[in-house]
Amino acid sequence: MKIHRVRRIVALMILLISLALLIWGIWPYAPEFRNVPISPADMQLSTPGSFLLDVLGWI
């Protein structure tokens, strides 16, 4: 009779650990914010002429 009790306790422990890991795995991450400095030159759109010069520069 004692082996059945030990099996139930071990099974319950495995079940509880599995459920804890499952909940931890699907728990949403904390929001993270980063400040990335962008220079004004990086914010400008390229003109078609400068795009062609960049493409032709690779050839």
N, C-alpha and C. Protein backbone atom coordinates (compact mmCIF):
# COMPACT_ATOMS: atom_id res chain seq x y z
N MET A 1 0.81 -1.20 0.00
CA MET A 1 0.00 0.00 0.00
C MET A 1 0.86 1.27 0.00
N LYS A 2 2.02 1.19 0.61
CA LYS A 2 2.86 2.37 0.73
C LYS A 2 3.40 2.82 -0.63
N ILE A 3 3.68 1.88 -1.55
CA ILE A 3 4.23 2.24 -2.86
C ILE A 3 3.21 3.05 -3.67
N HIS A 4 1.93 2.77 -3.52
CA HIS A 4 0.90 3.52 -4.23
C HIS A 4 0.84 4.97 -3.74
N ARG A 5 1.04 5.14 -2.45
CA ARG A 5 1.03 6.50 -1.89
C ARG A 5 2.23 7.30 -2.39
N VAL A 6 3.39 6.66 -2.48
CA VAL A 6 4.60 7.32 -2.97
C VAL A 6 4.42 7.68 -4.44
N ARG A 7 3.83 6.78 -5.22
CA ARG A 7 3.59 7.05 -6.64
C ARG A 7 2.67 8.24 -6.82
N ARG A 8 1.63 8.32 -6.01
CA ARG A 8 0.70 9.46 -6.12
C ARG A 8 1.38 10.77 -5.75
N ILE A 9 2.22 10.74 -4.75
CA ILE A 9 2.93 11.97 -4.34
C ILE A 9 3.90 12.39 -5.44
N VAL A 10 4.63 11.44 -6.01
CA VAL A 10 5.57 11.76 -7.09
C VAL A 10 4.81 12.27 -8.31
N ALA A 11 3.70 11.65 -8.65
CA ALA A 11 2.89 12.09 -9.79
C ALA A 11 2.35 13.50 -9.55
N LEU A 12 1.91 13.79 -8.35
CA LEU A 12 1.40 15.12 -8.02
C LEU A 12 2.51 16.16 -8.11
N MET A 13 3.71 15.81 -7.64
CA MET A 13 4.84 16.74 -7.73
C MET A 13 5.20 17.02 -9.18
N ILE A 14 5.23 15.98 -10.03
CA ILE A 14 5.53 16.17 -11.44
C ILE A 14 4.47 17.04 -12.10
N LEU A 15 3.22 16.80 -11.77
CA LEU A 15 2.12 17.60 -12.31
C LEU A 15 2.24 19.06 -11.90
N LEU A 16 2.53 19.33 -10.65
CA LEU A 16 2.65 20.71 -10.18
C LEU A 16 3.84 21.42 -10.81
N ILE A 17 4.96 20.73 -10.94
CA ILE A 17 6.14 21.33 -11.58
C ILE A 17 5.85 21.60 -13.05
N SER A 18 5.18 20.68 -13.72
CA SER A 18 4.84 20.87 -15.14
C SER A 18 3.90 22.05 -15.32
N LEU A 19 2.91 22.17 -14.47
CA LEU A 19 1.98 23.30 -14.58
C LEU A 19 2.68 24.63 -14.30
N ALA A 20 3.58 24.64 -13.32
CA ALA A 20 4.33 25.86 -13.02
C ALA A 20 5.19 26.28 -14.20
N LEU A 21 5.86 25.31 -14.85
CA LEU A 21 6.69 25.63 -16.01
C LEU A 21 5.84 26.07 -17.19
N LEU A 22 4.66 25.48 -17.36
CA LEU A 22 3.76 25.88 -18.44
C LEU A 22 3.29 27.32 -18.25
N ILE A 23 2.89 27.66 -17.05
CA ILE A 23 2.44 29.03 -16.77
C ILE A 23 3.59 30.01 -16.96
N TRP A 24 4.77 29.66 -16.50
CA TRP A 24 5.95 30.52 -16.65
C TRP A 24 6.31 30.70 -18.12
N GLY A 25 6.14 29.68 -18.93
CA GLY A 25 6.47 29.75 -20.34
C GLY A 25 5.54 30.62 -21.15
N ILE A 26 4.26 30.69 -20.77
CA ILE A 26 3.31 31.50 -21.54
C ILE A 26 3.06 32.86 -20.91
N TRP A 27 3.73 33.14 -19.80
CA TRP A 27 3.57 34.43 -19.14
C TRP A 27 4.14 35.53 -20.05
N PRO A 28 3.42 36.63 -20.26
CA PRO A 28 3.93 37.67 -21.17
C PRO A 28 5.16 38.37 -20.59
N TYR A 29 6.04 38.76 -21.51
CA TYR A 29 7.25 39.46 -21.10
C TYR A 29 6.89 40.88 -20.64
N ALA A 30 7.72 41.42 -19.80
CA ALA A 30 7.54 42.80 -19.36
C ALA A 30 7.89 43.72 -20.52
N PRO A 31 7.14 44.80 -20.69
CA PRO A 31 7.47 45.71 -21.79
C PRO A 31 8.85 46.34 -21.59
N GLU A 32 9.57 46.47 -22.68
CA GLU A 32 10.92 47.02 -22.62
C GLU A 32 11.03 48.15 -23.63
N PHE A 33 11.49 49.28 -23.18
CA PHE A 33 11.62 50.45 -24.03
C PHE A 33 13.10 50.79 -24.19
N ARG A 34 13.47 51.12 -25.42
CA ARG A 34 14.85 51.52 -25.69
C ARG A 34 14.85 52.84 -26.43
N ASN A 35 15.75 53.72 -26.06
CA ASN A 35 15.94 54.97 -26.77
C ASN A 35 17.10 54.80 -27.74
N VAL A 36 16.80 54.97 -29.02
CA VAL A 36 17.82 54.84 -30.05
C VAL A 36 17.99 56.21 -30.69
N PRO A 37 19.16 56.81 -30.54
CA PRO A 37 19.36 58.13 -31.16
C PRO A 37 19.44 58.01 -32.68
N ILE A 38 18.67 58.83 -33.38
CA ILE A 38 18.67 58.86 -34.84
C ILE A 38 19.04 60.28 -35.27
N SER A 39 20.06 60.37 -36.09
CA SER A 39 20.46 61.69 -36.57
C SER A 39 19.47 62.17 -37.63
N PRO A 40 19.33 63.49 -37.81
CA PRO A 40 18.42 64.01 -38.83
C PRO A 40 18.77 63.53 -40.24
N ALA A 41 20.05 63.27 -40.53
CA ALA A 41 20.43 62.80 -41.85
C ALA A 41 19.86 61.41 -42.12
N ASP A 42 19.72 60.61 -41.08
CA ASP A 42 19.14 59.27 -41.25
C ASP A 42 17.63 59.32 -41.46
N MET A 43 17.00 60.43 -41.11
CA MET A 43 15.56 60.53 -41.21
C MET A 43 15.11 61.06 -42.57
N GLN A 44 16.02 61.45 -43.42
CA GLN A 44 15.65 62.00 -44.73
C GLN A 44 15.43 60.88 -45.72
N LEU A 45 14.44 61.09 -46.61
CA LEU A 45 14.19 60.13 -47.67
C LEU A 45 15.20 60.34 -48.78
N SER A 46 15.60 59.25 -49.38
CA SER A 46 16.55 59.37 -50.49
C SER A 46 15.81 59.77 -51.76
N THR A 47 16.49 60.54 -52.59
CA THR A 47 15.92 60.96 -53.87
C THR A 47 16.20 59.89 -54.92
N PRO A 48 15.44 59.85 -56.02
CA PRO A 48 15.70 58.83 -57.04
C PRO A 48 17.11 58.91 -57.61
N GLY A 49 17.65 60.11 -57.74
CA GLY A 49 19.00 60.25 -58.27
C GLY A 49 20.04 59.65 -57.34
N SER A 50 19.90 59.87 -56.05
CA SER A 50 20.87 59.32 -55.10
C SER A 50 20.71 57.81 -55.01
N PHE A 51 19.48 57.33 -55.22
CA PHE A 51 19.28 55.88 -55.21
C PHE A 51 20.02 55.23 -56.38
N LEU A 52 19.93 55.85 -57.55
CA LEU A 52 20.62 55.31 -58.72
C LEU A 52 22.13 55.34 -58.53
N LEU A 53 22.64 56.40 -57.91
CA LEU A 53 24.08 56.48 -57.66
C LEU A 53 24.51 55.38 -56.70
N ASP A 54 23.67 55.07 -55.71
CA ASP A 54 24.00 53.99 -54.78
C ASP A 54 24.00 52.65 -55.48
N VAL A 55 23.02 52.41 -56.36
CA VAL A 55 22.96 51.14 -57.09
C VAL A 55 24.11 51.01 -58.05
N LEU A 56 24.40 52.08 -58.79
CA LEU A 56 25.49 52.04 -59.76
C LEU A 56 26.85 51.98 -59.08
N GLY A 57 26.91 52.45 -57.86
CA GLY A 57 28.16 52.37 -57.12
C GLY A 57 28.54 50.95 -56.77
N TRP A 58 27.57 50.06 -56.68
CA TRP A 58 27.83 48.66 -56.36
C TRP A 58 28.29 47.87 -57.57
N ILE A 59 28.05 48.39 -58.76
CA ILE A 59 28.41 47.64 -59.97
C ILE A 59 29.88 47.87 -60.30
